[in-house]
C-alpha atoms as a PDB file:
ATOM      1  CA  MET A   1      -0.785   5.514  -2.546  1.00  0.00           C
ATOM      2  CA  ARG A   2       1.009   8.684  -0.470  1.00  0.00           C
ATOM      3  CA  ILE A   3       2.821   7.874   1.783  1.00  0.00           C
ATOM      4  CA  THR A   4       2.410  10.386   5.332  1.00  0.00           C
ATOM      5  CA  GLY A   5       5.114   9.405   7.729  1.00  0.00           C
ATOM      6  CA  PHE A   6       7.533   6.953   9.068  1.00  0.00           C
ATOM      7  CA  SER A   7       9.291   5.502  11.814  1.00  0.00           C
ATOM      8  CA  ILE A   8      12.422   3.335  12.516  1.00  0.00           C
ATOM      9  CA  GLN A   9      12.342   1.644  15.902  1.00  0.00           C
ATOM     10  CA  PRO A  10      15.636  -0.603  16.992  1.00  0.00           C
ATOM     11  CA  VAL A  11      14.322  -3.818  18.976  1.00  0.00           C
ATOM     12  CA  GLU A  12      16.625  -6.442  20.913  1.00  0.00           C
ATOM     13  CA  LEU A  13      15.296  -9.377  20.381  1.00  0.00           C
ATOM     14  CA  LYS A  14      16.557 -12.081  22.915  1.00  0.00           C
ATOM     15  CA  TYR A  15      15.687 -16.049  22.906  1.00  0.00           C
ATOM     16  CA  PRO A  16      14.679 -17.730  25.171  1.00  0.00           C
ATOM     17  CA  ALA A  17      16.425 -20.834  23.996  1.00  0.00           C
ATOM     18  CA  PRO A  18      19.698 -19.875  22.559  1.00  0.00           C
ATOM     19  CA  VAL A  19      20.194 -20.964  19.117  1.00  0.00           C
ATOM     20  CA  ARG A  20      23.379 -23.357  18.557  1.00  0.00           C
ATOM     21  CA  ILE A  21      25.491 -23.884  15.446  1.00  0.00           C
ATOM     22  CA  SER A  22      28.975 -25.023  14.924  1.00  0.00           C
ATOM     23  CA  HIS A  23      30.996 -21.783  15.654  1.00  0.00           C
ATOM     24  CA  THR A  24      28.448 -19.373  17.405  1.00  0.00           C
ATOM     25  CA  VAL A  25      25.537 -18.895  19.755  1.00  0.00           C
ATOM     26  CA  PHE A  26      22.616 -16.677  18.944  1.00  0.00           C
ATOM     27  CA  ALA A  27      21.168 -15.490  22.298  1.00  0.00           C
ATOM     28  CA  LYS A  28      20.208 -11.966  21.052  1.00  0.00           C
ATOM     29  CA  ARG A  29      20.370 -10.153  18.423  1.00  0.00           C
ATOM     30  CA  LYS A  30      19.386  -6.279  17.054  1.00  0.00           C
ATOM     31  CA  ILE A  31      16.896  -5.092  14.528  1.00  0.00           C
ATOM     32  CA  LEU A  32      14.756  -2.534  13.162  1.00  0.00           C
ATOM     33  CA  TYR A  33      11.259  -2.144  12.461  1.00  0.00           C
ATOM     34  CA  ILE A  34       9.788   0.055   9.640  1.00  0.00           C
ATOM     35  CA  TYR A  35       6.805   1.633   9.703  1.00  0.00           C
ATOM     36  CA  LEU A  36       4.716   3.108   6.851  1.00  0.00           C
ATOM     37  CA  TYR A  37       2.209   5.574   7.047  1.00  0.00           C
ATOM     38  CA  SER A  38      -0.830   7.046   4.815  1.00  0.00           C
ATOM     39  CA  VAL A  39      -2.944   8.372   7.116  1.00  0.00           C
ATOM     40  CA  GLU A  40      -4.644   6.477   9.420  1.00  0.00           C
ATOM     41  CA  LYS A  41      -3.184   3.037   7.666  1.00  0.00           C
ATOM     42  CA  TRP A  42       0.319   1.505   8.395  1.00  0.00           C
ATOM     43  CA  GLY A  43       2.397  -1.111   7.129  1.00  0.00           C
ATOM     44  CA  VAL A  44       5.095  -2.845   8.814  1.00  0.00           C
ATOM     45  CA  GLY A  45       8.606  -4.402   8.063  1.00  0.00           C
ATOM     46  CA  GLU A  46      11.783  -5.617   9.740  1.00  0.00           C
ATOM     47  CA  VAL A  47      14.875  -4.881   9.174  1.00  0.00           C
ATOM     48  CA  SER A  48      17.361  -7.508  10.340  1.00  0.00           C
ATOM     49  CA  PRO A  49      20.890  -8.256   8.809  1.00  0.00           C
ATOM     50  CA  LEU A  50      22.706 -11.199   9.788  1.00  0.00           C
ATOM     51  CA  THR A  51      26.235  -9.386  10.555  1.00  0.00           C
ATOM     52  CA  GLU A  52      27.597 -12.581  11.284  1.00  0.00           C
ATOM     53  CA  PHE A  53      27.554 -13.708   7.598  1.00  0.00           C
ATOM     54  CA  GLY A  54      28.246 -11.047   5.372  1.00  0.00           C
ATOM     55  CA  ALA A  55      25.175  -8.725   5.791  1.00  0.00           C
ATOM     56  CA  GLU A  56      25.038  -5.184   6.535  1.00  0.00           C
ATOM     57  CA  ASP A  57      25.271  -3.469  10.441  1.00  0.00           C
ATOM     58  CA  ILE A  58      22.543  -2.514  12.200  1.00  0.00           C
ATOM     59  CA  ALA A  59      23.795   1.081  12.458  1.00  0.00           C
ATOM     60  CA  VAL A  60      24.259   1.367   8.702  1.00  0.00           C
ATOM     61  CA  ALA A  61      20.926  -0.671   7.924  1.00  0.00           C
ATOM     62  CA  GLU A  62      19.303   2.343  10.400  1.00  0.00           C
ATOM     63  CA  LYS A  63      21.147   5.117   8.586  1.00  0.00           C
ATOM     64  CA  ALA A  64      20.479   3.439   4.897  1.00  0.00           C
ATOM     65  CA  ALA A  65      16.753   3.184   6.262  1.00  0.00           C
ATOM     66  CA  ASN A  66      15.957   6.533   7.473  1.00  0.00           C
ATOM     67  CA  GLU A  67      17.260   8.007   4.138  1.00  0.00           C
ATOM     68  CA  ILE A  68      15.115   5.468   1.988  1.00  0.00           C
ATOM     69  CA  CYS A  69      12.424   6.576   3.992  1.00  0.00           C
ATOM     70  CA  THR A  70      12.683  10.228   3.576  1.00  0.00           C
ATOM     71  CA  LEU A  71      12.808   9.354  -0.168  1.00  0.00           C
ATOM     72  CA  LEU A  72       9.836   7.721  -0.253  1.00  0.00           C
ATOM     73  CA  LEU A  73       7.641  10.618   2.181  1.00  0.00           C
ATOM     74  CA  GLU A  74       9.791  13.449  -0.734  1.00  0.00           C
ATOM     75  CA  ARG A  75       8.192  11.511  -3.525  1.00  0.00           C
ATOM     76  CA  SER A  76       4.818  11.196  -2.207  1.00  0.00           C
ATOM     77  CA  LYS A  77       4.382  14.856  -1.652  1.00  0.00           C
ATOM     78  CA  GLN A  78       4.791  14.894  -5.296  1.00  0.00           C
ATOM     79  CA  THR A  79       2.738  12.421  -6.529  1.00  0.00           C
ATOM     80  CA  GLY A  80       1.208   8.700  -6.034  1.00  0.00           C
ATOM     81  CA  LEU A  81       3.672   6.070  -5.364  1.00  0.00           C
ATOM     82  CA  ASP A  82       3.124   2.500  -6.500  1.00  0.00           C
ATOM     83  CA  THR A  83       6.001  -0.859  -6.299  1.00  0.00           C
ATOM     84  CA  GLU A  84       7.120   0.195  -9.391  1.00  0.00           C
ATOM     85  CA  SER A  85       8.261   3.728  -7.964  1.00  0.00           C
ATOM     86  CA  LEU A  86       9.657   1.626  -4.625  1.00  0.00           C
ATOM     87  CA  PHE A  87      11.624   0.019  -6.966  1.00  0.00           C
ATOM     88  CA  SER A  88      13.583   3.288  -8.918  1.00  0.00           C
ATOM     89  CA  ILE A  89      13.611   4.560  -5.942  1.00  0.00           C
ATOM     90  CA  VAL A  90      15.884   2.070  -4.044  1.00  0.00           C
ATOM     91  CA  GLU A  91      18.103   1.419  -7.068  1.00  0.00           C
ATOM     92  CA  LYS A  92      21.163   2.550  -6.109  1.00  0.00           C
ATOM     93  CA  TYR A  93      20.355   0.681  -2.074  1.00  0.00           C
ATOM     94  CA  LYS A  94      21.718  -2.428  -3.803  1.00  0.00           C
ATOM     95  CA  THR A  95      24.487  -3.277  -1.392  1.00  0.00           C
ATOM     96  CA  PHE A  96      21.541  -2.979   1.785  1.00  0.00           C
ATOM     97  CA  PRO A  97      19.835  -5.859   0.815  1.00  0.00           C
ATOM     98  CA  ALA A  98      18.737  -6.387   4.622  1.00  0.00           C
ATOM     99  CA  THR A  99      17.288  -2.920   4.253  1.00  0.00           C
ATOM    100  CA  LEU A 100      15.907  -3.486   1.257  1.00  0.00           C
ATOM    101  CA  SER A 101      14.266  -6.250   2.278  1.00  0.00           C
ATOM    102  CA  GLY A 102      12.127  -4.614   5.698  1.00  0.00           C
ATOM    103  CA  ILE A 103      11.305  -1.366   3.226  1.00  0.00           C
ATOM    104  CA  GLU A 104       9.680  -3.334   0.743  1.00  0.00           C
ATOM    105  CA  GLN A 105       7.754  -5.398   3.422  1.00  0.00           C
ATOM    106  CA  ALA A 106       6.368  -2.128   5.363  1.00  0.00           C
ATOM    107  CA  PHE A 107       5.948  -1.000   1.649  1.00  0.00           C
ATOM    108  CA  VAL A 108       3.696  -3.880   0.050  1.00  0.00           C
ATOM    109  CA  GLN A 109       1.886  -4.618   3.208  1.00  0.00           C
ATOM    110  CA  LEU A 110       0.483  -0.819   3.087  1.00  0.00           C
ATOM    111  CA  TYR A 111      -0.084  -0.850  -0.455  1.00  0.00           C
ATOM    112  CA  THR A 112      -2.455  -3.881   0.469  1.00  0.00           C
ATOM    113  CA  LYS A 113      -4.421  -1.491   2.483  1.00  0.00           C
ATOM    114  CA  CYS A 114      -4.727   1.001   0.581  1.00  0.00           C
ATOM    115  CA  VAL A 115      -5.347  -0.370  -2.604  1.00  0.00           C
ATOM    116  CA  THR A 116      -7.153  -3.443  -4.548  1.00  0.00           C
ATOM    117  CA  ALA A 117      -4.519  -5.966  -4.672  1.00  0.00           C
ATOM    118  CA  SER A 118      -3.283  -8.827  -2.875  1.00  0.00           C
ATOM    119  CA  VAL A 119       0.215 -10.016  -2.317  1.00  0.00           C
ATOM    120  CA  LYS A 120      -0.567 -13.512  -4.616  1.00  0.00           C
ATOM    121  CA  GLU A 121      -1.333 -11.121  -7.506  1.00  0.00           C
ATOM    122  CA  LEU A 122       1.796  -8.414  -6.742  1.00  0.00           C
ATOM    123  CA  TYR A 123       4.616 -11.702  -6.670  1.00  0.00           C
ATOM    124  CA  GLY A 124       2.657 -13.837  -8.588  1.00  0.00           C
ATOM    125  CA  PHE A 125       2.260 -17.208  -7.725  1.00  0.00           C
ATOM    126  CA  SER A 126       0.004 -19.555  -7.530  1.00  0.00           C
ATOM    127  CA  HIS A 127      -2.426 -20.544  -4.408  1.00  0.00           C
ATOM    128  CA  ILE A 128      -1.079 -22.981  -2.662  1.00  0.00           C
ATOM    129  CA  GLU A 129      -3.194 -24.888   0.609  1.00  0.00           C
ATOM    130  CA  GLU A 130       0.051 -25.743   2.735  1.00  0.00           C
ATOM    131  CA  LEU A 131       3.878 -25.675   3.154  1.00  0.00           C
ATOM    132  CA  GLU A 132       6.329 -28.369   4.956  1.00  0.00           C
ATOM    133  CA  VAL A 133       8.169 -27.334   7.455  1.00  0.00           C
ATOM    134  CA  ASN A 134      11.578 -28.484   8.850  1.00  0.00           C
ATOM    135  CA  ALA A 135      12.239 -29.407  12.346  1.00  0.00           C
ATOM    136  CA  MET A 136      15.308 -27.429  13.469  1.00  0.00           C
ATOM    137  CA  ILE A 137      17.580 -28.911  15.915  1.00  0.00           C
ATOM    138  CA  GLY A 138      20.615 -26.937  17.363  1.00  0.00           C
ATOM    139  CA  ALA A 139      24.095 -28.355  18.244  1.00  0.00           C
ATOM    140  CA  GLU A 140      23.595 -30.748  21.181  1.00  0.00           C
ATOM    141  CA  GLU A 141      24.849 -33.585  22.686  1.00  0.00           C
ATOM    142  CA  PRO A 142      23.388 -36.739  21.185  1.00  0.00           C
ATOM    143  CA  GLU A 143      20.593 -38.189  24.049  1.00  0.00           C
ATOM    144  CA  LYS A 144      19.335 -34.395  24.159  1.00  0.00           C
ATOM    145  CA  ALA A 145      19.556 -33.765  19.811  1.00  0.00           C
ATOM    146  CA  PHE A 146      17.657 -36.837  19.914  1.00  0.00           C
ATOM    147  CA  ALA A 147      14.902 -35.914  22.529  1.00  0.00           C
ATOM    148  CA  MET A 148      14.240 -32.895  20.531  1.00  0.00           C
ATOM    149  CA  CYS A 149      13.938 -34.852  17.491  1.00  0.00           C
ATOM    150  CA  LYS A 150      11.859 -37.424  18.655  1.00  0.00           C
ATOM    151  CA  GLU A 151       9.402 -34.601  19.897  1.00  0.00           C
ATOM    152  CA  ALA A 152       9.502 -32.961  16.262  1.00  0.00           C
ATOM    153  CA  TRP A 153       8.616 -36.535  15.014  1.00  0.00           C
ATOM    154  CA  ASP A 154       5.802 -36.615  17.211  1.00  0.00           C
ATOM    155  CA  ASN A 155       4.152 -33.621  16.737  1.00  0.00           C
ATOM    156  CA  GLY A 156       3.855 -34.273  12.950  1.00  0.00           C
ATOM    157  CA  TYR A 157       7.387 -32.651  11.630  1.00  0.00           C
ATOM    158  CA  ASN A 158       8.669 -35.154   8.582  1.00  0.00           C
ATOM    159  CA  THR A 159      11.723 -33.492   8.112  1.00  0.00           C
ATOM    160  CA  ILE A 160      14.548 -32.503  10.708  1.00  0.00           C
ATOM    161  CA  LYS A 161      17.942 -30.262  10.370  1.00  0.00           C
ATOM    162  CA  LEU A 162      20.560 -30.679  12.230  1.00  0.00           C
ATOM    163  CA  LYS A 163      23.509 -28.528  13.179  1.00  0.00           C
ATOM    164  CA  VAL A 164      26.486 -30.264  12.984  1.00  0.00           C
ATOM    165  CA  GLY A 165      30.379 -29.672  13.390  1.00  0.00           C
ATOM    166  CA  LYS A 166      30.598 -28.548  17.032  1.00  0.00           C
ATOM    167  CA  TYR A 167      31.142 -31.754  18.623  1.00  0.00           C
ATOM    168  CA  ASN A 168      33.286 -34.871  17.284  1.00  0.00           C
ATOM    169  CA  LEU A 169      32.234 -36.911  14.080  1.00  0.00           C
ATOM    170  CA  TYR A 170      31.679 -39.863  17.440  1.00  0.00           C
ATOM    171  CA  ASN A 171      28.601 -37.953  19.106  1.00  0.00           C
ATOM    172  CA  GLU A 172      26.924 -37.395  15.868  1.00  0.00           C
ATOM    173  CA  LEU A 173      27.077 -40.702  14.277  1.00  0.00           C
ATOM    174  CA  ARG A 174      25.623 -41.573  17.584  1.00  0.00           C
ATOM    175  CA  LEU A 175      23.005 -39.089  16.775  1.00  0.00           C
ATOM    176  CA  LEU A 176      22.484 -40.305  13.211  1.00  0.00           C
ATOM    177  CA  SER A 177      21.827 -43.909  14.764  1.00  0.00           C
ATOM    178  CA  LEU A 178      19.517 -43.124  17.301  1.00  0.00           C
ATOM    179  CA  ILE A 179      17.276 -41.484  14.815  1.00  0.00           C
ATOM    180  CA  ARG A 180      17.348 -44.199  12.542  1.00  0.00           C
ATOM    181  CA  GLU A 181      16.714 -47.071  14.954  1.00  0.00           C
ATOM    182  CA  HIS A 182      13.749 -44.870  16.753  1.00  0.00           C
ATOM    183  CA  ILE A 183      12.218 -42.858  13.909  1.00  0.00           C
ATOM    184  CA  PRO A 184      10.925 -43.929  10.865  1.00  0.00           C
ATOM    185  CA  GLU A 185      13.153 -44.449   8.150  1.00  0.00           C
ATOM    186  CA  LYS A 186      10.724 -41.952   5.295  1.00  0.00           C
ATOM    187  CA  VAL A 187      11.673 -39.288   8.145  1.00  0.00           C
ATOM    188  CA  LYS A 188      13.873 -36.944   6.208  1.00  0.00           C
ATOM    189  CA  ILE A 189      17.463 -35.877   7.818  1.00  0.00           C
ATOM    190  CA  ARG A 190      19.359 -32.572   6.664  1.00  0.00           C
ATOM    191  CA  LEU A 191      22.651 -31.511   8.259  1.00  0.00           C
ATOM    192  CA  ASP A 192      23.648 -28.318   8.563  1.00  0.00           C
ATOM    193  CA  ALA A 193      27.779 -27.837   9.086  1.00  0.00           C
ATOM    194  CA  ASN A 194      27.669 -23.632   8.891  1.00  0.00           C
ATOM    195  CA  GLY A 195      30.825 -23.648   7.258  1.00  0.00           C
ATOM    196  CA  ALA A 196      32.629 -25.515   9.522  1.00  0.00           C
ATOM    197  CA  PHE A 197      35.324 -27.863   7.983  1.00  0.00           C
ATOM    198  CA  ASP A 198      38.349 -27.864   5.459  1.00  0.00           C
ATOM    199  CA  VAL A 199      37.621 -29.868   2.317  1.00  0.00           C
ATOM    200  CA  THR A 200      39.815 -32.974   3.992  1.00  0.00           C
ATOM    201  CA  GLU A 201      38.030 -32.863   7.383  1.00  0.00           C
ATOM    202  CA  ALA A 202      34.300 -32.600   5.203  1.00  0.00           C
ATOM    203  CA  VAL A 203      34.657 -35.173   3.021  1.00  0.00           C
ATOM    204  CA  LEU A 204      35.488 -37.662   5.900  1.00  0.00           C
ATOM    205  CA  ARG A 205      32.694 -37.033   7.599  1.00  0.00           C
ATOM    206  CA  ILE A 206      29.969 -36.661   4.780  1.00  0.00           C
ATOM    207  CA  LYS A 207      30.528 -40.232   3.543  1.00  0.00           C
ATOM    208  CA  ALA A 208      30.456 -41.383   7.401  1.00  0.00           C
ATOM    209  CA  TYR A 209      27.091 -39.627   7.502  1.00  0.00           C
ATOM    210  CA  SER A 210      26.068 -40.721   4.563  1.00  0.00           C
ATOM    211  CA  GLU A 211      25.424 -44.576   5.875  1.00  0.00           C
ATOM    212  CA  TYR A 212      22.220 -42.729   7.761  1.00  0.00           C
ATOM    213  CA  LYS A 213      20.478 -41.675   3.997  1.00  0.00           C
ATOM    214  CA  ILE A 214      21.122 -37.941   4.225  1.00  0.00           C
ATOM    215  CA  GLU A 215      18.673 -35.619   2.243  1.00  0.00           C
ATOM    216  CA  TYR A 216      22.036 -32.968   1.952  1.00  0.00           C
ATOM    217  CA  ILE A 217      24.581 -31.613   3.552  1.00  0.00           C
ATOM    218  CA  GLU A 218      24.030 -28.013   3.970  1.00  0.00           C
ATOM    219  CA  GLN A 219      27.527 -25.528   3.566  1.00  0.00           C
ATOM    220  CA  PRO A 220      29.710 -28.304   4.635  1.00  0.00           C
ATOM    221  CA  VAL A 221      32.815 -25.568   3.911  1.00  0.00           C
ATOM    222  CA  LYS A 222      32.989 -21.733   3.368  1.00  0.00           C
ATOM    223  CA  LYS A 223      33.818 -21.654  -0.206  1.00  0.00           C
ATOM    224  CA  ILE A 224      32.298 -22.792  -3.429  1.00  0.00           C
ATOM    225  CA  ALA A 225      35.258 -23.457  -4.473  1.00  0.00           C
ATOM    226  CA  GLU A 226      35.877 -25.835  -1.548  1.00  0.00           C
ATOM    227  CA  PHE A 227      32.612 -27.368  -2.308  1.00  0.00           C
ATOM    228  CA  GLU A 228      33.850 -28.133  -6.010  1.00  0.00           C
ATOM    229  CA  LYS A 229      36.607 -30.121  -4.492  1.00  0.00           C
ATOM    230  CA  ILE A 230      34.079 -31.996  -2.264  1.00  0.00           C
ATOM    231  CA  ARG A 231      31.934 -32.895  -5.106  1.00  0.00           C
ATOM    232  CA  GLU A 232      34.299 -34.989  -6.435  1.00  0.00           C
ATOM    233  CA  HIS A 233      35.162 -36.915  -3.970  1.00  0.00           C
ATOM    234  CA  VAL A 234      31.050 -37.367  -2.381  1.00  0.00           C
ATOM    235  CA  ASP A 235      27.848 -38.618  -3.508  1.00  0.00           C
ATOM    236  CA  VAL A 236      25.600 -36.758  -1.264  1.00  0.00           C
ATOM    237  CA  PRO A 237      23.548 -33.867  -2.301  1.00  0.00           C
ATOM    238  CA  LEU A 238      25.315 -30.481  -1.500  1.00  0.00           C
ATOM    239  CA  ALA A 239      23.572 -27.134  -0.537  1.00  0.00           C
ATOM    240  CA  LEU A 240      24.958 -23.521  -0.400  1.00  0.00           C
ATOM    241  CA  ASP A 241      23.598 -21.252   2.103  1.00  0.00           C
ATOM    242  CA  GLU A 242      26.310 -18.596   4.017  1.00  0.00           C
ATOM    243  CA  SER A 243      28.376 -18.586   0.981  1.00  0.00           C
ATOM    244  CA  ILE A 244      25.370 -16.584  -0.716  1.00  0.00           C
ATOM    245  CA  SER A 245      26.619 -13.514  -1.088  1.00  0.00           C
ATOM    246  CA  GLY A 246      23.934 -12.178  -3.265  1.00  0.00           C
ATOM    247  CA  LEU A 247      21.423 -12.105  -5.711  1.00  0.00           C
ATOM    248  CA  LEU A 248      24.454 -12.210  -8.593  1.00  0.00           C
ATOM    249  CA  PHE A 249      26.156 -14.673  -6.909  1.00  0.00           C
ATOM    250  CA  LEU A 250      23.341 -17.028  -7.355  1.00  0.00           C
ATOM    251  CA  GLU A 251      22.866 -16.079 -10.742  1.00  0.00           C
ATOM    252  CA  GLN A 252      26.751 -16.951 -11.486  1.00  0.00           C
ATOM    253  CA  THR A 253      26.198 -20.090  -9.805  1.00  0.00           C
ATOM    254  CA  VAL A 254      23.271 -22.016 -10.897  1.00  0.00           C
ATOM    255  CA  ASN A 255      25.323 -24.183 -12.910  1.00  0.00           C
ATOM    256  CA  SER A 256      27.504 -25.405 -10.839  1.00  0.00           C
ATOM    257  CA  THR A 257      28.002 -29.166 -10.421  1.00  0.00           C
ATOM    258  CA  ALA A 258      28.463 -28.931  -7.137  1.00  0.00           C
ATOM    259  CA  VAL A 259      25.521 -27.661  -5.684  1.00  0.00           C
ATOM    260  CA  ASP A 260      21.775 -29.604  -5.463  1.00  0.00           C
ATOM    261  CA  TYR A 261      19.553 -27.341  -2.990  1.00  0.00           C
ATOM    262  CA  PHE A 262      20.078 -23.162  -2.589  1.00  0.00           C
ATOM    263  CA  VAL A 263      19.463 -22.571   0.836  1.00  0.00           C
ATOM    264  CA  ILE A 264      17.934 -18.791   0.272  1.00  0.00           C
ATOM    265  CA  LYS A 265      17.281 -16.372   3.611  1.00  0.00           C
ATOM    266  CA  PRO A 266      15.229 -13.580   1.996  1.00  0.00           C
ATOM    267  CA  ALA A 267      15.400 -10.927   4.516  1.00  0.00           C
ATOM    268  CA  GLN A 268      19.425 -11.263   4.051  1.00  0.00           C
ATOM    269  CA  LEU A 269      19.043 -10.953  -0.194  1.00  0.00           C
ATOM    270  CA  GLY A 270      16.831  -7.906  -0.392  1.00  0.00           C
ATOM    271  CA  MET A 271      13.493  -7.436  -2.167  1.00  0.00           C
ATOM    272  CA  LEU A 272      11.224 -10.555  -3.162  1.00  0.00           C
ATOM    273  CA  ARG A 273      10.509  -8.776  -6.416  1.00  0.00           C
ATOM    274  CA  GLN A 274      14.260  -9.468  -7.041  1.00  0.00           C
ATOM    275  CA  ILE A 275      14.798 -12.868  -5.710  1.00  0.00           C
ATOM    276  CA  ILE A 276      11.480 -14.621  -7.114  1.00  0.00           C
ATOM    277  CA  PRO A 277      13.022 -13.908 -10.709  1.00  0.00           C
ATOM    278  CA  VAL A 278      16.664 -15.673  -9.567  1.00  0.00           C
ATOM    279  CA  ILE A 279      14.283 -18.650  -7.599  1.00  0.00           C
ATOM    280  CA  ARG A 280      12.573 -19.124 -11.138  1.00  0.00           C
ATOM    281  CA  SER A 281      15.975 -19.332 -12.757  1.00  0.00           C
ATOM    282  CA  ILE A 282      17.406 -21.781 -10.183  1.00  0.00           C
ATOM    283  CA  GLU A 283      14.884 -24.460 -10.967  1.00  0.00           C
ATOM    284  CA  SER A 284      14.530 -24.206 -14.253  1.00  0.00           C
ATOM    285  CA  GLU A 285      18.229 -25.601 -14.296  1.00  0.00           C
ATOM    286  CA  GLY A 286      16.637 -28.259 -12.210  1.00  0.00           C
ATOM    287  CA  LYS A 287      18.366 -27.494  -9.244  1.00  0.00           C
ATOM    288  CA  ASN A 288      16.467 -27.534  -5.195  1.00  0.00           C
ATOM    289  CA  VAL A 289      15.567 -24.092  -3.728  1.00  0.00           C
ATOM    290  CA  VAL A 290      14.213 -23.924   0.398  1.00  0.00           C
ATOM    291  CA  ILE A 291      13.212 -20.884   1.889  1.00  0.00           C
ATOM    292  CA  THR A 292      14.497 -20.469   5.597  1.00  0.00           C
ATOM    293  CA  HIS A 293      14.249 -17.400   7.795  1.00  0.00           C
ATOM    294  CA  SER A 294      17.278 -15.772   9.541  1.00  0.00           C
ATOM    295  CA  LEU A 295      15.967 -15.624  13.394  1.00  0.00           C
ATOM    296  CA  GLU A 296      13.325 -13.154  12.848  1.00  0.00           C
ATOM    297  CA  SER A 297      10.606 -12.328  14.633  1.00  0.00           C
ATOM    298  CA  ARG A 298       7.016 -12.893  13.970  1.00  0.00           C
ATOM    299  CA  ILE A 299       7.618 -10.114  11.570  1.00  0.00           C
ATOM    300  CA  GLY A 300      10.183 -10.913   9.224  1.00  0.00           C
ATOM    301  CA  ARG A 301       9.044 -14.675   9.394  1.00  0.00           C
ATOM    302  CA  LYS A 302       6.015 -13.767   7.125  1.00  0.00           C
ATOM    303  CA  LYS A 303       8.811 -12.408   4.683  1.00  0.00           C
ATOM    304  CA  ALA A 304      10.133 -16.061   4.240  1.00  0.00           C
ATOM    305  CA  VAL A 305       6.538 -17.627   4.589  1.00  0.00           C
ATOM    306  CA  VAL A 306       5.390 -15.644   1.225  1.00  0.00           C
ATOM    307  CA  CYS A 307       9.144 -16.412  -0.616  1.00  0.00           C
ATOM    308  CA  ALA A 308       8.455 -19.748   0.021  1.00  0.00           C
ATOM    309  CA  LEU A 309       4.755 -19.769  -1.158  1.00  0.00           C
ATOM    310  CA  SER A 310       6.563 -18.839  -5.127  1.00  0.00           C
ATOM    311  CA  CYS A 311       8.684 -21.980  -4.951  1.00  0.00           C
ATOM    312  CA  LEU A 312       7.799 -24.323  -7.632  1.00  0.00           C
ATOM    313  CA  PHE A 313       9.686 -27.508  -5.772  1.00  0.00           C
ATOM    314  CA  ARG A 314       7.645 -28.765  -2.988  1.00  0.00           C
ATOM    315  CA  SER A 315      10.259 -29.205   0.193  1.00  0.00           C
ATOM    316  CA  SER A 316      10.097 -28.560   3.556  1.00  0.00           C
ATOM    317  CA  HIS A 317      11.355 -25.221   4.155  1.00  0.00           C
ATOM    318  CA  GLY A 318      13.050 -23.646   7.320  1.00  0.00           C
ATOM    319  CA  LEU A 319       9.613 -21.702   8.454  1.00  0.00           C
ATOM    320  CA  GLY A 320       9.724 -22.535  12.002  1.00  0.00           C
ATOM    321  CA  ILE A 321       8.284 -20.277  15.139  1.00  0.00           C
ATOM    322  CA  VAL A 322      11.025 -18.873  16.545  1.00  0.00           C
ATOM    323  CA  ALA A 323      10.197 -17.579  20.296  1.00  0.00           C
ATOM    324  CA  THR A 324      12.047 -14.680  21.741  1.00  0.00           C
ATOM    325  CA  LYS A 325      11.470 -13.000  25.076  1.00  0.00           C
ATOM    326  CA  ASN A 326      10.278  -9.658  24.012  1.00  0.00           C
ATOM    327  CA  GLY A 327       8.181 -11.047  21.132  1.00  0.00           C
ATOM    328  CA  ILE A 328       4.172 -11.273  19.950  1.00  0.00           C
ATOM    329  CA  PRO A 329       3.346 -14.794  19.577  1.00  0.00           C
ATOM    330  CA  ASP A 330       3.308 -15.634  16.054  1.00  0.00           C
ATOM    331  CA  ASP A 331      -0.029 -16.261  14.743  1.00  0.00           C
ATOM    332  CA  SER A 332      -0.095 -15.310  11.090  1.00  0.00           C
ATOM    333  CA  TYR A 333       1.359 -18.659  10.278  1.00  0.00           C
ATOM    334  CA  PRO A 334       0.813 -21.567  12.679  1.00  0.00           C
ATOM    335  CA  ILE A 335       2.794 -24.303  12.199  1.00  0.00           C
ATOM    336  CA  LEU A 336      -0.038 -27.672  12.562  1.00  0.00           C
ATOM    337  CA  ASN A 337       1.940 -31.299  12.162  1.00  0.00           C
ATOM    338  CA  GLY A 338       4.576 -29.987  10.691  1.00  0.00           C
ATOM    339  CA  ARG A 339       2.527 -27.606   7.865  1.00  0.00           C
ATOM    340  CA  ILE A 340       1.329 -24.424   7.425  1.00  0.00           C
ATOM    341  CA  GLY A 341      -2.096 -23.748   6.053  1.00  0.00           C
ATOM    342  CA  ILE A 342      -2.241 -21.144   3.621  1.00  0.00           C
ATOM    343  CA  LYS A 343      -5.396 -19.555   3.797  1.00  0.00           C
ATOM    344  CA  GLU A 344      -4.243 -16.117   2.410  1.00  0.00           C
ATOM    345  CA  ALA A 345      -1.000 -14.779   1.227  1.00  0.00           C
ATOM    346  CA  ILE A 346      -0.227 -11.714   3.886  1.00  0.00           C
ATOM    347  CA  LEU A 347       2.847 -10.104   4.479  1.00  0.00           C
END
């Protein structure tokens, strides 16, 4: 494949329903669309770093993306490109994972249009007919949050993820009580604190939450060492999310007895070519992997779906459609009854 040009388009996503977590509200964010061209064909990828969680700044990402695309264009003038050559060209940009994520997406999308190759073949996963999706409920007052949970159940969702840590424990237990009283017990409940607690408060809250049969609590504290302290006092499964600073950290943490679930945001970790082997390593240790998007547009969400297809452990993933005021409706992987039907893996 030969690349004949590229363009980088800055975009500001605006969310009509801002997402509230324990310590901030996402109402808008800046992202980049990377376009790679080969004569009349093109591929597009999304660069959407969550700077709030330690990813590269968007301005730095744009500079790195321009450098990488220029290298791809120059190399393409000398010889054809394939996925191996992409990997060698971006080797020195490991500290720009969100940028690499978008570059890989644009490249692979273009590559599958120019040569006889499918996304499934390139990443080596079996065909899966459907993926289950969890409903995500932001940190809201109990009655409002419960109404959103009830709507999710009515729409076929069997797993509900609740943001906690913004309100007092009484309000959160009130919400959990409403759910368990009015929604069938088979519906799984996940809690996500986004690192809102210290160890003492985390232990107190988790013991209280456990009365309501919680599947797991995600990121109750900020540091992995704090997870280990919590594990001494509670049996509720613990999930790691924001503390995942990169693929090396994942590889070093896979054997931790304090972590039961790894919540992976592909857009923040780099290339699927590197992420999927790490997922295999985690699963081989008997740990569970949940894939979630990072509030991307419909373009970035496709990469999260493809990553979820590579997981052997069948769980509900955080792949809900995020509405944006300036976005195009997401019809690539529509959700029906809490599930995404997979006819073909597209990136």
